[in-house]
């Protein structure tokens, strides 16, 4: 079943790969972009000019029945960017939640982060607050919770694989190792496609953690 998909963050690392995949499967895609970035929206998608931090600039472009996909985030997050997590990540999610609620969107898909986590607390807190903003709308929602998405330009965490292997063998660390595991960009796109094409029931919130992202669907 083809869907009308409104994407925030469509020119980024995940969005620039997700949009062509959606189009190839027959979905209709509109992508929010600033005027200076509109030319980077993947061909076939309809650019919508606006500012993701200002709901009034794009709320009118979100339609009843849309699937709204939020992919905006601070590039290369680190503990030093706590203020950016609030100013960009959380603010854009709250704006998207308002737009989805006003329009009567059918489904929100939000790329969050694995939680709880012993590190990157400011980042996790901002993403958890964003999840709550989407929950408060009452719109059906899918939250994907990766820890790190491997792909072009994002390979350095492969160096951590021996630590993940050891952690998976030790019972005290096994659950944390699974929750904070690595996923590939291919797995992430597959999981997003599944979430978009298989929405939860009205008002339901569904969470895809790292193991679910790796398989492309919830258990």
Foldseek 3Di string as FASTA:
>chain_A
DAAEEEEEPLLDDQNVVLVVVNVVVPHAYEYEDAPVCQVSRDPRHHYQHADLLDLVSCLVVDAAAYEYEYDDDDPPDDLVCLVVLVRTVLSSLLSVLVSCLVRNYQEYEYEAAQDDDPPPVSRNVSRVNSVVSNLVSLHFYEYEHAQAEDDVVGPVCVVCVVVLVVLCVDVVRNVVSQQHDYHYSVLQSLLVVLCVVPTDPRSHYHYQGNVQSNVSHDD
